[in-house]
Amino acid sequence: MAEQQFHRLSDKVYEAFELALSQKALDTAHHLYNALETALTRNTGGANFVEKRGDVRPEILDAIKRYKEMTKK
């Protein structure tokens, strides 16, 4: 199995978020969701800002949707 390459902080946080969801560790998933949101939006704006990330990957959006469904009251 080839080792997965991570290029962004959000990639690593996403992998941990997926693991927490699969284990139904919702307290941990909550913290990772917040970290993922921060990692995806950090350094946005400002005079010298240049967007390099592009759109959020569909698998990340799917994981967020699953998290919100799992935590719906």
PDB file of N, CA and C in Angstrom:
ATOM      1  N   MET A   1       0.846  -1.184   0.000  1.00  0.00           N
ATOM      2  CA  MET A   1       0.000   0.000   0.000  1.00  0.00           C
ATOM      3  C   MET A   1       0.886   1.241   0.000  1.00  0.00           C
ATOM      4  N   ALA A   2       0.623   2.141  -0.922  1.00  0.00           N
ATOM      5  CA  ALA A   2       1.411   3.362  -1.024  1.00  0.00           C
ATOM      6  C   ALA A   2       1.053   4.311   0.108  1.00  0.00           C
ATOM      7  N   GLU A   3       2.065   4.981   0.603  1.00  0.00           N
ATOM      8  CA  GLU A   3       1.833   5.953   1.672  1.00  0.00           C
ATOM      9  C   GLU A   3       1.152   7.181   1.086  1.00  0.00           C
ATOM     10  N   GLN A   4       0.104   7.666   1.751  1.00  0.00           N
ATOM     11  CA  GLN A   4      -0.626   8.834   1.276  1.00  0.00           C
ATOM     12  C   GLN A   4       0.187  10.089   1.536  1.00  0.00           C
ATOM     13  N   GLN A   5       0.219  10.962   0.548  1.00  0.00           N
ATOM     14  CA  GLN A   5       0.941  12.221   0.680  1.00  0.00           C
ATOM     15  C   GLN A   5      -0.004  13.304   1.185  1.00  0.00           C
ATOM     16  N   PHE A   6       0.424  14.016   2.207  1.00  0.00           N
ATOM     17  CA  PHE A   6      -0.343  15.133   2.742  1.00  0.00           C
ATOM     18  C   PHE A   6       0.387  16.415   2.386  1.00  0.00           C
ATOM     19  N   HIS A   7      -0.358  17.353   1.840  1.00  0.00           N
ATOM     20  CA  HIS A   7       0.245  18.617   1.432  1.00  0.00           C
ATOM     21  C   HIS A   7      -0.235  19.781   2.270  1.00  0.00           C
ATOM     22  N   ARG A   8      -1.354  19.591   2.936  1.00  0.00           N
ATOM     23  CA  ARG A   8      -1.935  20.671   3.722  1.00  0.00           C
ATOM     24  C   ARG A   8      -2.272  20.163   5.120  1.00  0.00           C
ATOM     25  N   LEU A   9      -2.277  21.067   6.054  1.00  0.00           N
ATOM     26  CA  LEU A   9      -2.694  20.732   7.410  1.00  0.00           C
ATOM     27  C   LEU A   9      -4.101  20.151   7.387  1.00  0.00           C
ATOM     28  N   SER A  10      -4.967  20.731   6.573  1.00  0.00           N
ATOM     29  CA  SER A  10      -6.356  20.260   6.505  1.00  0.00           C
ATOM     30  C   SER A  10      -6.438  18.792   6.064  1.00  0.00           C
ATOM     31  N   ASP A  11      -5.475  18.302   5.266  1.00  0.00           N
ATOM     32  CA  ASP A  11      -5.481  16.901   4.848  1.00  0.00           C
ATOM     33  C   ASP A  11      -5.331  15.970   6.053  1.00  0.00           C
ATOM     34  N   LYS A  12      -4.412  16.296   6.928  1.00  0.00           N
ATOM     35  CA  LYS A  12      -4.193  15.459   8.118  1.00  0.00           C
ATOM     36  C   LYS A  12      -5.375  15.541   9.074  1.00  0.00           C
ATOM     37  N   VAL A  13      -5.890  16.746   9.264  1.00  0.00           N
ATOM     38  CA  VAL A  13      -7.041  16.911  10.162  1.00  0.00           C
ATOM     39  C   VAL A  13      -8.241  16.146   9.607  1.00  0.00           C
ATOM     40  N   TYR A  14      -8.441  16.215   8.292  1.00  0.00           N
ATOM     41  CA  TYR A  14      -9.542  15.490   7.657  1.00  0.00           C
ATOM     42  C   TYR A  14      -9.428  13.986   7.907  1.00  0.00           C
ATOM     43  N   GLU A  15      -8.244  13.417   7.757  1.00  0.00           N
ATOM     44  CA  GLU A  15      -8.049  11.978   7.980  1.00  0.00           C
ATOM     45  C   GLU A  15      -8.401  11.602   9.424  1.00  0.00           C
ATOM     46  N   ALA A  16      -7.986  12.409  10.384  1.00  0.00           N
ATOM     47  CA  ALA A  16      -8.317  12.150  11.790  1.00  0.00           C
ATOM     48  C   ALA A  16      -9.822  12.316  12.024  1.00  0.00           C
ATOM     49  N   PHE A  17     -10.424  13.298  11.376  1.00  0.00           N
ATOM     50  CA  PHE A  17     -11.864  13.533  11.475  1.00  0.00           C
ATOM     51  C   PHE A  17     -12.634  12.320  10.954  1.00  0.00           C
ATOM     52  N   GLU A  18     -12.223  11.788   9.812  1.00  0.00           N
ATOM     53  CA  GLU A  18     -12.854  10.588   9.258  1.00  0.00           C
ATOM     54  C   GLU A  18     -12.741   9.409  10.231  1.00  0.00           C
ATOM     55  N   LEU A  19     -11.581   9.240  10.831  1.00  0.00           N
ATOM     56  CA  LEU A  19     -11.376   8.145  11.781  1.00  0.00           C
ATOM     57  C   LEU A  19     -12.288   8.309  12.990  1.00  0.00           C
ATOM     58  N   ALA A  20     -12.382   9.514  13.509  1.00  0.00           N
ATOM     59  CA  ALA A  20     -13.256   9.767  14.655  1.00  0.00           C
ATOM     60  C   ALA A  20     -14.715   9.478  14.299  1.00  0.00           C
ATOM     61  N   LEU A  21     -15.135   9.864  13.096  1.00  0.00           N
ATOM     62  CA  LEU A  21     -16.499   9.571  12.672  1.00  0.00           C
ATOM     63  C   LEU A  21     -16.737   8.076  12.558  1.00  0.00           C
ATOM     64  N   SER A  22     -15.789   7.357  11.987  1.00  0.00           N
ATOM     65  CA  SER A  22     -15.961   5.913  11.810  1.00  0.00           C
ATOM     66  C   SER A  22     -16.022   5.178  13.145  1.00  0.00           C
ATOM     67  N   GLN A  23     -15.381   5.747  14.155  1.00  0.00           N
ATOM     68  CA  GLN A  23     -15.396   5.139  15.488  1.00  0.00           C
ATOM     69  C   GLN A  23     -16.494   5.738  16.367  1.00  0.00           C
ATOM     70  N   LYS A  24     -17.284   6.632  15.790  1.00  0.00           N
ATOM     71  CA  LYS A  24     -18.367   7.312  16.501  1.00  0.00           C
ATOM     72  C   LYS A  24     -17.868   8.018  17.774  1.00  0.00           C
ATOM     73  N   ALA A  25     -16.662   8.539  17.689  1.00  0.00           N
ATOM     74  CA  ALA A  25     -16.065   9.309  18.777  1.00  0.00           C
ATOM     75  C   ALA A  25     -16.451  10.771  18.562  1.00  0.00           C
ATOM     76  N   LEU A  26     -17.706  11.083  18.894  1.00  0.00           N
ATOM     77  CA  LEU A  26     -18.256  12.390  18.529  1.00  0.00           C
ATOM     78  C   LEU A  26     -17.642  13.548  19.295  1.00  0.00           C
ATOM     79  N   ASP A  27     -17.202  13.333  20.528  1.00  0.00           N
ATOM     80  CA  ASP A  27     -16.522  14.413  21.252  1.00  0.00           C
ATOM     81  C   ASP A  27     -15.228  14.793  20.534  1.00  0.00           C
ATOM     82  N   THR A  28     -14.482  13.793  20.122  1.00  0.00           N
ATOM     83  CA  THR A  28     -13.242  14.032  19.388  1.00  0.00           C
ATOM     84  C   THR A  28     -13.552  14.625  18.020  1.00  0.00           C
ATOM     85  N   ALA A  29     -14.569  14.094  17.351  1.00  0.00           N
ATOM     86  CA  ALA A  29     -14.962  14.605  16.033  1.00  0.00           C
ATOM     87  C   ALA A  29     -15.321  16.089  16.115  1.00  0.00           C
ATOM     88  N   HIS A  30     -15.952  16.481  17.206  1.00  0.00           N
ATOM     89  CA  HIS A  30     -16.315  17.891  17.394  1.00  0.00           C
ATOM     90  C   HIS A  30     -15.074  18.780  17.352  1.00  0.00           C
ATOM     91  N   HIS A  31     -14.049  18.399  18.084  1.00  0.00           N
ATOM     92  CA  HIS A  31     -12.813  19.188  18.123  1.00  0.00           C
ATOM     93  C   HIS A  31     -12.124  19.178  16.758  1.00  0.00           C
ATOM     94  N   LEU A  32     -12.135  18.018  16.111  1.00  0.00           N
ATOM     95  CA  LEU A  32     -11.501  17.919  14.796  1.00  0.00           C
ATOM     96  C   LEU A  32     -12.285  18.700  13.743  1.00  0.00           C
ATOM     97  N   TYR A  33     -13.593  18.727  13.864  1.00  0.00           N
ATOM     98  CA  TYR A  33     -14.415  19.532  12.956  1.00  0.00           C
ATOM     99  C   TYR A  33     -14.023  21.007  13.076  1.00  0.00           C
ATOM    100  N   ASN A  34     -13.888  21.483  14.306  1.00  0.00           N
ATOM    101  CA  ASN A  34     -13.477  22.873  14.523  1.00  0.00           C
ATOM    102  C   ASN A  34     -12.086  23.128  13.958  1.00  0.00           C
ATOM    103  N   ALA A  35     -11.175  22.177  14.165  1.00  0.00           N
ATOM    104  CA  ALA A  35      -9.816  22.325  13.638  1.00  0.00           C
ATOM    105  C   ALA A  35      -9.826  22.298  12.108  1.00  0.00           C
ATOM    106  N   LEU A  36     -10.646  21.435  11.523  1.00  0.00           N
ATOM    107  CA  LEU A  36     -10.738  21.350  10.072  1.00  0.00           C
ATOM    108  C   LEU A  36     -11.279  22.656   9.497  1.00  0.00           C
ATOM    109  N   GLU A  37     -12.312  23.170  10.111  1.00  0.00           N
ATOM    110  CA  GLU A  37     -12.886  24.434   9.667  1.00  0.00           C
ATOM    111  C   GLU A  37     -11.840  25.549   9.735  1.00  0.00           C
ATOM    112  N   THR A  38     -11.073  25.584  10.800  1.00  0.00           N
ATOM    113  CA  THR A  38     -10.021  26.593  10.951  1.00  0.00           C
ATOM    114  C   THR A  38      -8.939  26.408   9.891  1.00  0.00           C
ATOM    115  N   ALA A  39      -8.510  25.161   9.690  1.00  0.00           N
ATOM    116  CA  ALA A  39      -7.451  24.893   8.714  1.00  0.00           C
ATOM    117  C   ALA A  39      -7.886  25.248   7.291  1.00  0.00           C
ATOM    118  N   LEU A  40      -9.157  25.026   6.994  1.00  0.00           N
ATOM    119  CA  LEU A  40      -9.646  25.317   5.640  1.00  0.00           C
ATOM    120  C   LEU A  40      -9.818  26.804   5.385  1.00  0.00           C
ATOM    121  N   THR A  41      -9.975  27.587   6.439  1.00  0.00           N
ATOM    122  CA  THR A  41     -10.259  29.014   6.254  1.00  0.00           C
ATOM    123  C   THR A  41      -9.143  29.916   6.751  1.00  0.00           C
ATOM    124  N   ARG A  42      -8.046  29.361   7.235  1.00  0.00           N
ATOM    125  CA  ARG A  42      -6.985  30.211   7.773  1.00  0.00           C
ATOM    126  C   ARG A  42      -6.347  31.031   6.658  1.00  0.00           C
ATOM    127  N   ASN A  43      -5.833  32.157   7.050  1.00  0.00           N
ATOM    128  CA  ASN A  43      -5.158  33.087   6.135  1.00  0.00           C
ATOM    129  C   ASN A  43      -6.055  33.571   5.008  1.00  0.00           C
ATOM    130  N   THR A  44      -7.354  33.619   5.240  1.00  0.00           N
ATOM    131  CA  THR A  44      -8.230  34.141   4.197  1.00  0.00           C
ATOM    132  C   THR A  44      -8.378  35.645   4.359  1.00  0.00           C
ATOM    133  N   GLY A  45      -8.363  36.329   3.259  1.00  0.00           N
ATOM    134  CA  GLY A  45      -8.510  37.770   3.267  1.00  0.00           C
ATOM    135  C   GLY A  45      -7.185  38.483   3.416  1.00  0.00           C
ATOM    136  N   GLY A  46      -7.264  39.772   3.572  1.00  0.00           N
ATOM    137  CA  GLY A  46      -6.055  40.577   3.717  1.00  0.00           C
ATOM    138  C   GLY A  46      -5.548  41.078   2.379  1.00  0.00           C
ATOM    139  N   ALA A  47      -4.728  42.081   2.421  1.00  0.00           N
ATOM    140  CA  ALA A  47      -4.264  42.746   1.206  1.00  0.00           C
ATOM    141  C   ALA A  47      -3.441  41.837   0.301  1.00  0.00           C
ATOM    142  N   ASN A  48      -2.642  40.952   0.884  1.00  0.00           N
ATOM    143  CA  ASN A  48      -1.748  40.111   0.090  1.00  0.00           C
ATOM    144  C   ASN A  48      -2.268  38.695  -0.106  1.00  0.00           C
ATOM    145  N   PHE A  49      -3.531  38.455   0.226  1.00  0.00           N
ATOM    146  CA  PHE A  49      -4.069  37.105   0.154  1.00  0.00           C
ATOM    147  C   PHE A  49      -4.266  36.663  -1.297  1.00  0.00           C
ATOM    148  N   VAL A  50      -3.778  35.452  -1.591  1.00  0.00           N
ATOM    149  CA  VAL A  50      -4.018  34.816  -2.884  1.00  0.00           C
ATOM    150  C   VAL A  50      -4.578  33.433  -2.596  1.00  0.00           C
ATOM    151  N   GLU A  51      -5.793  33.157  -3.075  1.00  0.00           N
ATOM    152  CA  GLU A  51      -6.423  31.855  -2.843  1.00  0.00           C
ATOM    153  C   GLU A  51      -5.660  30.780  -3.608  1.00  0.00           C
ATOM    154  N   LYS A  52      -5.193  29.768  -2.897  1.00  0.00           N
ATOM    155  CA  LYS A  52      -4.463  28.670  -3.511  1.00  0.00           C
ATOM    156  C   LYS A  52      -5.171  27.336  -3.319  1.00  0.00           C
ATOM    157  N   ARG A  53      -6.156  27.294  -2.432  1.00  0.00           N
ATOM    158  CA  ARG A  53      -6.775  26.033  -2.063  1.00  0.00           C
ATOM    159  C   ARG A  53      -7.792  25.562  -3.087  1.00  0.00           C
ATOM    160  N   GLY A  54      -8.493  26.462  -3.720  1.00  0.00           N
ATOM    161  CA  GLY A  54      -9.576  26.053  -4.609  1.00  0.00           C
ATOM    162  C   GLY A  54     -10.771  25.638  -3.782  1.00  0.00           C
ATOM    163  N   ASP A  55     -11.680  24.964  -4.408  1.00  0.00           N
ATOM    164  CA  ASP A  55     -12.876  24.514  -3.700  1.00  0.00           C
ATOM    165  C   ASP A  55     -12.537  23.408  -2.710  1.00  0.00           C
ATOM    166  N   VAL A  56     -13.366  23.303  -1.690  1.00  0.00           N
ATOM    167  CA  VAL A  56     -13.197  22.234  -0.699  1.00  0.00           C
ATOM    168  C   VAL A  56     -13.537  20.914  -1.376  1.00  0.00           C
ATOM    169  N   ARG A  57     -12.704  19.911  -1.164  1.00  0.00           N
ATOM    170  CA  ARG A  57     -12.901  18.600  -1.793  1.00  0.00           C
ATOM    171  C   ARG A  57     -14.245  17.998  -1.390  1.00  0.00           C
ATOM    172  N   PRO A  58     -14.915  17.315  -2.312  1.00  0.00           N
ATOM    173  CA  PRO A  58     -16.233  16.728  -2.033  1.00  0.00           C
ATOM    174  C   PRO A  58     -16.227  15.758  -0.853  1.00  0.00           C
ATOM    175  N   GLU A  59     -15.158  14.999  -0.672  1.00  0.00           N
ATOM    176  CA  GLU A  59     -15.120  14.042   0.436  1.00  0.00           C
ATOM    177  C   GLU A  59     -15.090  14.752   1.789  1.00  0.00           C
ATOM    178  N   ILE A  60     -14.508  15.939   1.844  1.00  0.00           N
ATOM    179  CA  ILE A  60     -14.511  16.714   3.082  1.00  0.00           C
ATOM    180  C   ILE A  60     -15.923  17.223   3.364  1.00  0.00           C
ATOM    181  N   LEU A  61     -16.581  17.726   2.320  1.00  0.00           N
ATOM    182  CA  LEU A  61     -17.961  18.186   2.489  1.00  0.00           C
ATOM    183  C   LEU A  61     -18.875  17.046   2.918  1.00  0.00           C
ATOM    184  N   ASP A  62     -18.650  15.853   2.371  1.00  0.00           N
ATOM    185  CA  ASP A  62     -19.442  14.682   2.750  1.00  0.00           C
ATOM    186  C   ASP A  62     -19.216  14.324   4.221  1.00  0.00           C
ATOM    187  N   ALA A  63     -17.970  14.358   4.669  1.00  0.00           N
ATOM    188  CA  ALA A  63     -17.664  14.048   6.070  1.00  0.00           C
ATOM    189  C   ALA A  63     -18.330  15.061   7.001  1.00  0.00           C
ATOM    190  N   ILE A  64     -18.310  16.318   6.621  1.00  0.00           N
ATOM    191  CA  ILE A  64     -18.956  17.353   7.434  1.00  0.00           C
ATOM    192  C   ILE A  64     -20.457  17.115   7.490  1.00  0.00           C
ATOM    193  N   LYS A  65     -21.040  16.761   6.365  1.00  0.00           N
ATOM    194  CA  LYS A  65     -22.476  16.464   6.322  1.00  0.00           C
ATOM    195  C   LYS A  65     -22.817  15.280   7.232  1.00  0.00           C
ATOM    196  N   ARG A  66     -21.998  14.222   7.176  1.00  0.00           N
ATOM    197  CA  ARG A  66     -22.225  13.051   8.043  1.00  0.00           C
ATOM    198  C   ARG A  66     -22.092  13.423   9.508  1.00  0.00           C
ATOM    199  N   TYR A  67     -21.098  14.248   9.841  1.00  0.00           N
ATOM    200  CA  TYR A  67     -20.919  14.691  11.230  1.00  0.00           C
ATOM    201  C   TYR A  67     -22.152  15.442  11.702  1.00  0.00           C
ATOM    202  N   LYS A  68     -22.642  16.350  10.889  1.00  0.00           N
ATOM    203  CA  LYS A  68     -23.818  17.131  11.288  1.00  0.00           C
ATOM    204  C   LYS A  68     -25.041  16.251  11.449  1.00  0.00           C
ATOM    205  N   GLU A  69     -25.179  15.235  10.611  1.00  0.00           N
ATOM    206  CA  GLU A  69     -26.299  14.295  10.760  1.00  0.00           C
ATOM    207  C   GLU A  69     -26.157  13.474  12.051  1.00  0.00           C
ATOM    208  N   MET A  70     -24.940  13.080  12.361  1.00  0.00           N
ATOM    209  CA  MET A  70     -24.690  12.269  13.564  1.00  0.00           C
ATOM    210  C   MET A  70     -24.935  13.062  14.845  1.00  0.00           C
ATOM    211  N   THR A  71     -24.762  14.361  14.776  1.00  0.00           N
ATOM    212  CA  THR A  71     -24.880  15.178  15.986  1.00  0.00           C
ATOM    213  C   THR A  71     -26.194  15.936  16.050  1.00  0.00           C
ATOM    214  N   LYS A  72     -27.058  15.703  15.082  1.00  0.00           N
ATOM    215  CA  LYS A  72     -28.367  16.371  15.074  1.00  0.00           C
ATOM    216  C   LYS A  72     -29.193  15.891  16.251  1.00  0.00           C
ATOM    217  N   LYS A  73     -29.838  16.806  16.916  1.00  0.00           N
ATOM    218  CA  LYS A  73     -30.631  16.453  18.087  1.00  0.00           C
ATOM    219  C   LYS A  73     -32.086  16.550  17.794  1.00  0.00           C
TER     220      LYS A  73
END
